[in-house]
Amino acid sequence: MSNPRIYGRGQKRRKRMAAAKKVAEERYEHKMIRKLRAKILRGGKIEKRKERRYKIRGVRRLEEIAKYRQKEPKKYEVQIPEILSFIDAPRETMDFLDELKRKLNKKVLYNLSIIHEKCRRIDLAASYIFDKIVKDERKYWKSRRIELRVAGRISHVSKKVNNFLLSFGLLSDFGLINARFTEEEIDYDYRDKYETYRYQGSSKRVYDNSQASMGLVEYFNSCFKHNHLQIKEEARLELVNKFGEIIGNAEEHAGNDGGGWVALGCYDKEERECSFAIVNFGRSIYESLSNANSTAADVIENIADVINSNKRIWEKTVGMFDKNQEEPLWNVMALQDGISSKRTISGKGSTRGKGIMDVLTFIDAVKSEDGAKVGIVSGHSSITMDYTYPIVQKEIGVNKEKRRIISFNKEKDLKMPPDKEKVFAIKKKFEGTVFGGRFKINEKYLTIKMEKNK
């Protein structure tokens, strides 16, 4: 009779040996897979039999990577224009960014050389979008295990541009802040020269809107504190609501792909210049406002009336009305009080359409004599607000509802054509909306106003 204890020990031993053999076989298989994949990446070929035997996945993709690795990448010199700004040069900036996107078509590997030598001004939104294009390209090649090299030269005409690149722009984002620079090229205390803010948000996270809105207002308050001032508490809460509406619009315009947007701020302590930007990608203002799902039928009727009036004047004075002029007129109307694709006759939606106007009014109240400048680029349209044409109040409709109006013309009449230097069409389409601006704080005016409020 067999001993059950001995039988049990033998069975356990055979199980251990079988498990060890299985582990050894798996290790050998993984090792062979790694070796065969490495061979493909070096440009070698493997037999179909081995490809099937070891279930090598993504062979065609590995062969594509090998093909790129064997070639010396082409060099692409990206010459940054003198002014890269949606506020100061929207047409030229869109042309430049569109050309860059077309060049980096994700089929040709380049080593990028980014030349800022002639650049003397960069705004927040243009800097962010340029950096995003380059980062997306790097990400694409990284997914293929290929490093896209980025190098370049800083500005020879503006130390301020270089300080910005190091503290908030490309050089900071790419970790190139340890490069060697001279005192003539940068200020060594560049980090202390700016108060900065950045928040990347998405409609998928419900708390992003409120956090970014509060963050932007606190950023503005920090700018004021550098001038020994402070935004009053009630004004702060009002601004949070208004930025919340603007960011909410950005989420809605972005559609169903997550509603990605970014809020940016950068305060130059030496120049006392406060800059901000809200950028989203997706539908333009025109596409959202004219959408069949818009809840504001009376708003659409109002806009159509204004556009038809403009058409008649253009046809009478110039002889024609270019269809490209229509979208900028829609965007001018979007700035006016009470114009929103989500506005309703009653209820919560009846207060929509005041966010941008409230922010523009706030800037108008705090700007110094040096003035302020705001740029809004969306779709094929650009609007520059430099307060040459003031914000005025008018009584609208049978109820004589008071609304703030910006007409961009001397007549202060929306039914008259706007100044073509301030409102114009751009050839290259921006898929989304940029709302950005800058202003210097009028310390004397604010001090007087604060004393009166005591």
Protein backbone atom coordinates (compact mmCIF):
# COMPACT_ATOMS: atom_id res chain seq x y z
CA MET A 1 0.00 0.00 0.00
CA SER A 2 1.38 3.39 -1.04
CA ASN A 3 2.10 6.05 1.49
CA PRO A 4 -0.42 8.95 0.93
CA ARG A 5 2.06 11.43 2.42
CA ILE A 6 4.78 10.47 -0.12
CA TYR A 7 2.23 10.56 -2.98
CA GLY A 8 1.16 14.06 -1.92
CA ARG A 9 4.76 15.33 -1.87
CA GLY A 10 5.41 13.97 -5.37
CA GLN A 11 2.30 15.62 -6.76
CA LYS A 12 3.27 18.99 -5.29
CA ARG A 13 6.76 18.64 -6.70
CA ARG A 14 5.45 17.90 -10.19
CA LYS A 15 3.17 20.95 -9.96
CA ARG A 16 6.10 23.15 -8.92
CA MET A 17 8.22 21.80 -11.78
CA ALA A 18 5.37 22.37 -14.28
CA ALA A 19 4.87 25.94 -13.01
CA ALA A 20 8.63 26.66 -13.19
CA LYS A 21 8.74 25.26 -16.74
CA LYS A 22 5.82 27.46 -17.75
CA VAL A 23 7.50 30.55 -16.28
CA ALA A 24 10.75 29.70 -18.10
CA GLU A 25 8.89 29.25 -21.39
CA GLU A 26 7.06 32.58 -20.92
CA ARG A 27 10.34 34.35 -20.13
CA TYR A 28 11.97 32.84 -23.20
CA GLU A 29 8.98 33.87 -25.34
CA HIS A 30 9.05 37.45 -24.00
CA LYS A 31 12.80 37.57 -24.60
CA MET A 32 12.36 36.40 -28.19
CA ILE A 33 9.57 38.94 -28.77
CA ARG A 34 11.85 41.73 -27.49
CA LYS A 35 14.73 40.53 -29.69
CA LEU A 36 12.56 40.25 -32.80
CA ARG A 37 10.97 43.68 -32.22
CA ALA A 38 14.42 45.20 -31.71
CA LYS A 39 15.59 43.56 -34.95
CA ILE A 40 12.67 45.11 -36.86
CA LEU A 41 13.40 48.54 -35.31
CA ARG A 42 17.01 48.21 -36.56
CA GLY A 43 15.68 47.68 -40.08
CA GLY A 44 15.99 43.89 -40.14
CA LYS A 45 13.41 41.41 -41.46
CA ILE A 46 11.92 38.43 -39.63
CA GLU A 47 10.36 35.29 -41.06
CA LYS A 48 6.57 35.12 -41.26
CA ARG A 49 6.78 31.83 -39.37
CA LYS A 50 8.41 33.54 -36.37
CA GLU A 51 6.02 36.49 -36.62
CA ARG A 52 3.09 34.05 -36.25
CA ARG A 53 4.84 31.82 -33.71
CA TYR A 54 5.58 34.67 -31.28
CA LYS A 55 2.52 36.74 -32.18
CA ILE A 56 4.52 39.89 -32.93
CA ARG A 57 2.03 42.74 -32.99
CA GLY A 58 2.35 46.03 -34.87
CA VAL A 59 5.02 44.81 -37.28
CA ARG A 60 4.06 47.32 -39.97
CA ARG A 61 4.22 50.17 -37.43
CA LEU A 62 7.64 48.97 -36.22
CA GLU A 63 8.85 48.88 -39.82
CA GLU A 64 7.62 52.45 -40.29
CA ILE A 65 9.53 53.56 -37.16
CA ALA A 66 12.67 51.78 -38.45
CA LYS A 67 12.34 53.61 -41.76
CA TYR A 68 12.31 56.99 -39.99
CA ARG A 69 15.17 56.02 -37.65
CA GLN A 70 17.42 55.12 -40.58
CA LYS A 71 16.97 58.54 -42.20
CA GLU A 72 18.66 61.71 -41.07
CA PRO A 73 15.78 64.05 -40.07
CA LYS A 74 15.36 67.17 -42.17
CA LYS A 75 15.97 70.52 -40.53
CA TYR A 76 13.08 72.97 -40.46
CA GLU A 77 13.85 76.55 -39.46
CA VAL A 78 10.80 78.21 -37.95
CA GLN A 79 11.25 81.97 -38.27
CA ILE A 80 9.06 83.61 -35.61
CA PRO A 81 7.61 86.88 -37.01
CA GLU A 82 8.38 90.28 -35.49
CA ILE A 83 4.92 90.33 -33.91
CA LEU A 84 3.27 87.04 -32.95
CA SER A 85 0.00 88.31 -31.51
CA PHE A 86 -3.74 87.85 -31.97
CA ILE A 87 -4.14 91.32 -30.46
CA ASP A 88 -1.70 93.28 -32.65
CA ALA A 89 -1.34 91.22 -35.84
CA PRO A 90 -4.19 88.65 -36.11
CA ARG A 91 -3.95 88.12 -39.90
CA GLU A 92 -0.20 87.60 -39.93
CA THR A 93 -0.33 85.43 -36.80
CA MET A 94 -3.01 83.15 -38.27
CA ASP A 95 -1.09 82.86 -41.57
CA PHE A 96 2.08 81.91 -39.68
CA LEU A 97 0.39 79.33 -37.42
CA ASP A 98 -1.53 77.80 -40.35
CA GLU A 99 1.69 77.45 -42.37
CA LEU A 100 3.40 75.82 -39.37
CA LYS A 101 0.56 73.29 -38.94
CA ARG A 102 0.61 72.41 -42.66
CA LYS A 103 4.39 71.97 -42.60
CA LEU A 104 4.24 69.71 -39.57
CA ASN A 105 1.85 67.33 -41.28
CA LYS A 106 2.87 64.31 -39.17
CA LYS A 107 4.39 62.50 -42.15
CA VAL A 108 7.87 64.03 -42.31
CA LEU A 109 10.26 64.02 -39.34
CA TYR A 110 12.00 67.34 -38.74
CA ASN A 111 14.56 68.64 -36.30
CA LEU A 112 13.06 72.02 -35.43
CA SER A 113 15.14 75.17 -35.15
CA ILE A 114 12.94 77.92 -33.72
CA ILE A 115 14.37 81.36 -34.46
CA HIS A 116 13.12 84.29 -32.36
CA GLU A 117 15.93 86.65 -33.44
CA LYS A 118 13.66 89.33 -34.97
CA CYS A 119 10.72 88.89 -32.59
CA ARG A 120 9.83 91.93 -30.48
CA ARG A 121 6.33 91.04 -29.18
CA ILE A 122 4.48 87.83 -28.30
CA ASP A 123 1.06 87.64 -26.72
CA LEU A 124 -0.20 84.92 -24.40
CA ALA A 125 -2.66 83.21 -26.75
CA ALA A 126 -0.31 83.12 -29.76
CA SER A 127 2.52 81.79 -27.58
CA TYR A 128 0.27 79.06 -26.13
CA ILE A 129 -1.05 77.93 -29.52
CA PHE A 130 2.41 77.93 -31.11
CA ASP A 131 3.78 75.85 -28.22
CA LYS A 132 0.81 73.47 -28.47
CA ILE A 133 1.45 72.84 -32.19
CA VAL A 134 5.09 71.96 -31.47
CA LYS A 135 4.19 69.84 -28.41
CA ASP A 136 1.56 67.90 -30.38
CA GLU A 137 4.18 67.18 -33.04
CA ARG A 138 6.65 65.94 -30.42
CA LYS A 139 3.94 63.79 -28.86
CA TYR A 140 3.12 62.23 -32.25
CA TRP A 141 6.73 61.18 -32.84
CA LYS A 142 7.22 60.09 -29.22
CA SER A 143 4.33 57.64 -29.68
CA ARG A 144 6.50 56.17 -32.45
CA ARG A 145 9.57 56.09 -30.17
CA ILE A 146 11.29 58.81 -32.13
CA GLU A 147 12.64 61.98 -30.57
CA LEU A 148 11.86 65.22 -32.34
CA ARG A 149 14.70 67.59 -31.47
CA VAL A 150 13.95 71.24 -30.76
CA ALA A 151 16.60 73.96 -30.70
CA GLY A 152 16.74 77.61 -31.71
CA ARG A 153 17.85 81.15 -31.04
CA ILE A 154 16.37 83.80 -28.77
CA SER A 155 15.46 87.37 -29.70
CA HIS A 156 18.20 89.85 -30.62
CA VAL A 157 15.86 92.84 -30.39
CA SER A 158 13.82 92.31 -27.21
CA LYS A 159 15.06 91.24 -23.81
CA LYS A 160 11.42 91.30 -22.70
CA VAL A 161 10.56 88.54 -25.22
CA ASN A 162 13.42 86.41 -23.88
CA ASN A 163 12.35 86.93 -20.27
CA PHE A 164 8.83 85.86 -21.24
CA LEU A 165 10.03 82.74 -23.11
CA LEU A 166 12.03 81.66 -20.07
CA SER A 167 9.37 82.32 -17.47
CA PHE A 168 6.15 81.39 -19.26
CA GLY A 169 6.79 80.40 -22.87
CA LEU A 170 8.56 77.85 -25.01
CA LEU A 171 11.93 77.66 -23.23
CA SER A 172 10.22 77.10 -19.88
CA ASP A 173 7.82 74.45 -21.23
CA PHE A 174 10.61 72.50 -22.96
CA GLY A 175 12.91 72.61 -19.95
CA LEU A 176 15.57 74.72 -21.67
CA ILE A 177 15.91 77.19 -18.81
CA ASN A 178 19.43 75.96 -17.97
CA ALA A 179 20.82 77.07 -21.32
CA ARG A 180 23.57 79.68 -21.16
CA PHE A 181 22.46 83.27 -21.68
CA THR A 182 24.26 86.55 -21.23
CA GLU A 183 23.11 89.56 -19.22
CA GLU A 184 22.54 91.41 -22.50
CA GLU A 185 20.07 88.73 -23.63
CA ILE A 186 18.03 88.18 -20.44
CA ASP A 187 17.53 89.61 -16.97
CA TYR A 188 18.76 87.03 -14.48
CA ASP A 189 15.82 87.82 -12.21
CA TYR A 190 13.35 87.12 -15.04
CA ARG A 191 11.21 84.86 -12.83
CA ASP A 192 10.55 87.74 -10.43
CA LYS A 193 9.41 90.06 -13.21
CA TYR A 194 6.10 88.32 -13.84
CA GLU A 195 2.97 87.24 -12.02
CA THR A 196 1.64 84.32 -14.07
CA TYR A 197 -1.50 82.18 -14.20
CA ARG A 198 -2.47 79.13 -16.22
CA TYR A 199 -5.44 76.76 -15.95
CA GLN A 200 -6.18 73.96 -18.41
CA GLY A 201 -9.83 72.96 -18.25
CA SER A 202 -12.44 70.65 -19.73
CA SER A 203 -16.23 70.48 -19.65
CA LYS A 204 -15.85 66.88 -18.46
CA ARG A 205 -14.77 68.25 -15.06
CA VAL A 206 -17.64 70.33 -13.68
CA TYR A 207 -15.44 72.15 -11.15
CA ASP A 208 -12.97 73.53 -13.75
CA ASN A 209 -15.11 76.49 -14.76
CA SER A 210 -15.53 77.89 -11.24
CA GLN A 211 -11.88 77.24 -10.29
CA ALA A 212 -10.55 78.94 -13.42
CA SER A 213 -12.95 81.88 -13.03
CA MET A 214 -11.88 82.44 -9.42
CA GLY A 215 -8.25 81.91 -10.40
CA LEU A 216 -8.42 84.55 -13.13
CA VAL A 217 -10.01 87.10 -10.80
CA GLU A 218 -7.43 86.37 -8.10
CA TYR A 219 -4.76 86.81 -10.79
CA PHE A 220 -6.20 90.25 -11.64
CA ASN A 221 -6.30 91.09 -7.94
CA SER A 222 -2.61 90.11 -7.64
CA CYS A 223 -1.86 92.54 -10.48
CA PHE A 224 -3.67 95.27 -8.56
CA LYS A 225 -1.79 94.42 -5.35
CA HIS A 226 1.48 95.10 -7.13
CA ASN A 227 0.11 98.63 -7.54
CA HIS A 228 -0.90 98.72 -3.82
CA LEU A 229 -4.56 98.34 -4.79
CA GLN A 230 -7.23 95.71 -4.42
CA ILE A 231 -10.45 94.80 -6.24
CA LYS A 232 -13.46 95.23 -3.97
CA GLU A 233 -15.08 92.00 -2.79
CA GLU A 234 -18.44 92.57 -4.54
CA ALA A 235 -16.65 93.45 -7.79
CA ARG A 236 -14.56 90.28 -7.46
CA LEU A 237 -17.65 88.08 -7.13
CA GLU A 238 -19.25 89.80 -10.12
CA LEU A 239 -16.12 89.22 -12.23
CA VAL A 240 -16.03 85.53 -11.24
CA ASN A 241 -19.57 85.16 -12.63
CA LYS A 242 -18.68 86.98 -15.85
CA PHE A 243 -15.54 84.95 -16.51
CA GLY A 244 -17.59 81.87 -15.67
CA GLU A 245 -20.00 82.79 -18.49
CA ILE A 246 -17.11 83.33 -20.95
CA ILE A 247 -15.52 79.99 -20.04
CA GLY A 248 -18.96 78.34 -20.21
CA ASN A 249 -19.26 79.68 -23.76
CA ALA A 250 -15.81 78.29 -24.54
CA GLU A 251 -16.92 74.84 -23.34
CA GLU A 252 -20.11 74.99 -25.39
CA HIS A 253 -18.25 76.11 -28.52
CA ALA A 254 -15.85 73.18 -28.15
CA GLY A 255 -18.71 70.75 -28.80
CA ASN A 256 -18.84 67.16 -27.60
CA ASP A 257 -15.12 66.38 -27.54
CA GLY A 258 -14.58 67.32 -23.90
CA GLY A 259 -14.78 71.09 -24.21
CA GLY A 260 -11.03 71.72 -23.85
CA TRP A 261 -9.95 75.30 -23.06
CA VAL A 262 -7.20 77.21 -21.29
CA ALA A 263 -7.17 80.41 -19.20
CA LEU A 264 -3.91 82.39 -19.07
CA GLY A 265 -2.55 85.44 -17.29
CA CYS A 266 0.81 87.22 -17.23
CA TYR A 267 1.54 90.48 -15.39
CA ASP A 268 4.71 92.43 -16.23
CA LYS A 269 5.69 94.05 -12.93
CA GLU A 270 8.10 96.55 -14.51
CA GLU A 271 5.74 97.73 -17.26
CA ARG A 272 2.70 97.33 -14.98
CA GLU A 273 0.99 95.61 -17.88
CA CYS A 274 -1.68 93.00 -17.20
CA SER A 275 -2.32 90.39 -19.95
CA PHE A 276 -4.92 87.64 -20.10
CA ALA A 277 -6.34 85.12 -22.59
CA ILE A 278 -9.05 82.46 -22.79
CA VAL A 279 -8.61 80.02 -25.69
CA ASN A 280 -10.84 77.17 -26.83
CA PHE A 281 -10.78 74.90 -29.86
CA GLY A 282 -13.94 73.74 -31.66
CA ARG A 283 -16.81 75.73 -33.13
CA SER A 284 -16.43 79.43 -33.83
CA ILE A 285 -18.74 82.09 -32.35
CA TYR A 286 -20.48 82.37 -35.73
CA GLU A 287 -21.02 78.59 -35.96
CA SER A 288 -22.47 78.45 -32.44
CA LEU A 289 -24.68 81.53 -32.74
CA SER A 290 -26.09 80.67 -36.17
CA ASN A 291 -26.58 77.00 -35.26
CA ALA A 292 -30.08 75.61 -35.81
CA ASN A 293 -30.14 74.52 -32.13
CA SER A 294 -29.69 78.11 -30.91
CA THR A 295 -32.41 78.98 -28.36
CA ALA A 296 -32.38 82.66 -29.26
CA ALA A 297 -34.70 83.11 -32.26
CA ASP A 298 -35.23 86.82 -31.47
CA VAL A 299 -31.44 87.28 -31.28
CA ILE A 300 -30.93 85.71 -34.71
CA GLU A 301 -33.64 87.94 -36.16
CA ASN A 302 -31.92 90.99 -34.66
CA ILE A 303 -28.55 90.00 -36.14
CA ALA A 304 -30.08 89.32 -39.56
CA ASP A 305 -31.61 92.82 -39.50
CA VAL A 306 -28.22 94.41 -38.73
CA ILE A 307 -26.44 92.41 -41.45
CA ASN A 308 -29.09 93.30 -44.07
CA SER A 309 -28.71 96.99 -43.16
CA ASN A 310 -24.93 96.70 -43.61
CA LYS A 311 -25.43 94.97 -46.96
CA ARG A 312 -27.64 97.76 -48.26
CA ILE A 313 -25.11 100.43 -47.24
CA TRP A 314 -22.16 98.53 -48.73
CA GLU A 315 -24.02 97.92 -51.98
CA LYS A 316 -25.00 101.60 -52.18
CA THR A 317 -21.54 103.02 -51.39
CA VAL A 318 -19.10 100.37 -52.66
CA GLY A 319 -21.28 98.48 -55.10
CA MET A 320 -20.94 95.07 -53.46
CA PHE A 321 -21.01 93.21 -50.15
CA ASP A 322 -18.37 90.50 -49.83
CA LYS A 323 -19.81 87.36 -48.23
CA ASN A 324 -16.64 87.17 -46.06
CA GLN A 325 -17.78 90.35 -44.30
CA GLU A 326 -20.82 88.63 -42.84
CA GLU A 327 -19.05 86.53 -40.20
CA PRO A 328 -17.24 89.53 -38.60
CA LEU A 329 -20.62 91.28 -38.30
CA TRP A 330 -22.05 88.24 -36.47
CA ASN A 331 -19.10 88.41 -34.08
CA VAL A 332 -19.62 92.13 -33.46
CA MET A 333 -23.22 91.34 -32.56
CA ALA A 334 -22.02 88.57 -30.20
CA LEU A 335 -20.26 91.24 -28.10
CA GLN A 336 -23.42 93.24 -27.49
CA ASP A 337 -25.44 92.96 -24.29
CA GLY A 338 -27.97 90.14 -24.39
CA ILE A 339 -26.62 88.32 -27.47
CA SER A 340 -26.03 84.62 -26.78
CA SER A 341 -26.86 81.34 -28.49
CA LYS A 342 -28.23 80.18 -25.10
CA ARG A 343 -30.31 83.29 -24.32
CA THR A 344 -33.99 82.72 -23.61
CA ILE A 345 -36.91 85.13 -23.14
CA SER A 346 -37.34 84.19 -19.47
CA GLY A 347 -35.73 82.07 -16.79
CA LYS A 348 -32.02 81.53 -16.09
CA GLY A 349 -31.04 81.92 -19.76
CA SER A 350 -32.53 85.42 -19.95
CA THR A 351 -29.38 86.90 -18.36
CA ARG A 352 -26.98 85.26 -20.83
CA GLY A 353 -24.88 87.35 -23.22
CA LYS A 354 -23.30 89.86 -20.83
CA GLY A 355 -20.00 88.16 -19.89
CA ILE A 356 -17.65 89.65 -22.51
CA MET A 357 -19.31 93.09 -22.28
CA ASP A 358 -18.86 93.13 -18.50
CA VAL A 359 -15.16 92.23 -18.82
CA LEU A 360 -14.67 94.90 -21.51
CA THR A 361 -16.41 97.44 -19.23
CA PHE A 362 -14.17 96.42 -16.30
CA ILE A 363 -11.03 96.95 -18.42
CA ASP A 364 -12.39 100.31 -19.60
CA ALA A 365 -12.77 101.40 -15.97
CA VAL A 366 -9.27 100.39 -14.78
CA LYS A 367 -7.07 101.09 -17.82
CA SER A 368 -4.48 103.87 -17.69
CA GLU A 369 -4.05 106.69 -20.19
CA ASP A 370 -1.80 104.38 -22.19
CA GLY A 371 -5.01 102.56 -23.00
CA ALA A 372 -5.87 98.92 -23.46
CA LYS A 373 -6.24 96.51 -26.32
CA VAL A 374 -8.41 93.41 -26.62
CA GLY A 375 -8.41 90.95 -29.52
CA ILE A 376 -11.14 88.44 -30.37
CA VAL A 377 -10.36 85.95 -33.12
CA SER A 378 -12.90 83.29 -34.03
CA GLY A 379 -13.43 81.38 -37.26
CA HIS A 380 -12.73 83.75 -40.16
CA SER A 381 -13.23 86.88 -38.06
CA SER A 382 -11.04 89.27 -36.08
CA ILE A 383 -12.14 92.13 -33.81
CA THR A 384 -9.76 94.60 -32.18
CA MET A 385 -11.12 96.60 -29.26
CA ASP A 386 -8.86 99.53 -28.30
CA TYR A 387 -11.65 101.78 -26.92
CA THR A 388 -11.34 104.24 -29.82
CA TYR A 389 -15.07 103.62 -30.15
CA PRO A 390 -16.63 103.77 -26.66
CA ILE A 391 -19.15 101.46 -25.05
CA VAL A 392 -22.49 103.33 -24.98
CA GLN A 393 -25.88 102.59 -23.41
CA LYS A 394 -29.00 102.50 -25.56
CA GLU A 395 -32.66 101.73 -24.93
CA ILE A 396 -33.70 98.66 -26.92
CA GLY A 397 -37.20 97.48 -27.89
CA VAL A 398 -40.68 98.48 -26.76
CA ASN A 399 -39.73 97.94 -23.12
CA LYS A 400 -36.77 100.33 -23.56
CA GLU A 401 -34.38 97.83 -21.99
CA LYS A 402 -31.00 99.47 -21.35
CA ARG A 403 -28.18 97.64 -23.08
CA ARG A 404 -24.50 98.41 -23.67
CA ILE A 405 -23.50 98.68 -27.30
CA ILE A 406 -20.16 98.72 -29.18
CA SER A 407 -20.67 99.67 -32.82
CA PHE A 408 -17.02 100.24 -33.96
CA ASN A 409 -18.08 103.30 -35.95
CA LYS A 410 -18.42 107.07 -35.40
CA GLU A 411 -22.18 106.92 -35.86
CA LYS A 412 -22.53 104.61 -32.81
CA ASP A 413 -24.98 102.63 -34.90
CA LEU A 414 -24.82 98.86 -35.36
CA LYS A 415 -26.68 99.19 -38.65
CA MET A 416 -23.77 101.19 -40.09
CA PRO A 417 -20.59 99.39 -41.27
CA PRO A 418 -17.86 99.02 -38.61
CA ASP A 419 -14.32 100.40 -38.96
CA LYS A 420 -12.54 97.95 -41.29
CA GLU A 421 -9.30 98.44 -39.31
CA LYS A 422 -11.02 97.11 -36.16
CA VAL A 423 -13.43 94.52 -37.60
CA PHE A 424 -12.36 92.38 -40.53
CA ALA A 425 -12.31 88.90 -42.04
CA ILE A 426 -9.21 86.71 -41.93
CA LYS A 427 -8.38 84.22 -44.67
CA LYS A 428 -7.18 81.39 -42.42
CA LYS A 429 -9.84 79.97 -40.12
CA PHE A 430 -9.24 79.63 -36.39
CA GLU A 431 -11.10 76.54 -35.21
CA GLY A 432 -12.43 77.98 -31.97
CA THR A 433 -12.13 81.33 -30.22
CA VAL A 434 -9.35 83.48 -28.74
CA PHE A 435 -10.38 86.18 -26.28
CA GLY A 436 -7.30 88.01 -25.06
CA GLY A 437 -6.13 91.45 -24.06
CA ARG A 438 -3.72 93.63 -22.15
CA PHE A 439 -3.96 96.86 -20.19
CA LYS A 440 -1.96 99.01 -17.81
CA ILE A 441 -3.59 99.82 -14.49
CA ASN A 442 -4.53 103.44 -13.86
CA GLU A 443 -3.34 103.74 -10.28
CA LYS A 444 -4.29 107.41 -9.88
CA TYR A 445 -7.85 106.88 -11.07
CA LEU A 446 -8.34 103.80 -8.89
CA THR A 447 -6.95 105.52 -5.82
CA ILE A 448 -9.39 108.41 -6.27
CA LYS A 449 -12.28 106.04 -6.88
CA MET A 450 -11.41 103.93 -3.81
CA GLU A 451 -11.24 107.06 -1.62
CA LYS A 452 -14.68 108.13 -2.84
CA ASN A 453 -16.08 104.67 -1.95
CA LYS A 454 -14.84 104.81 1.64
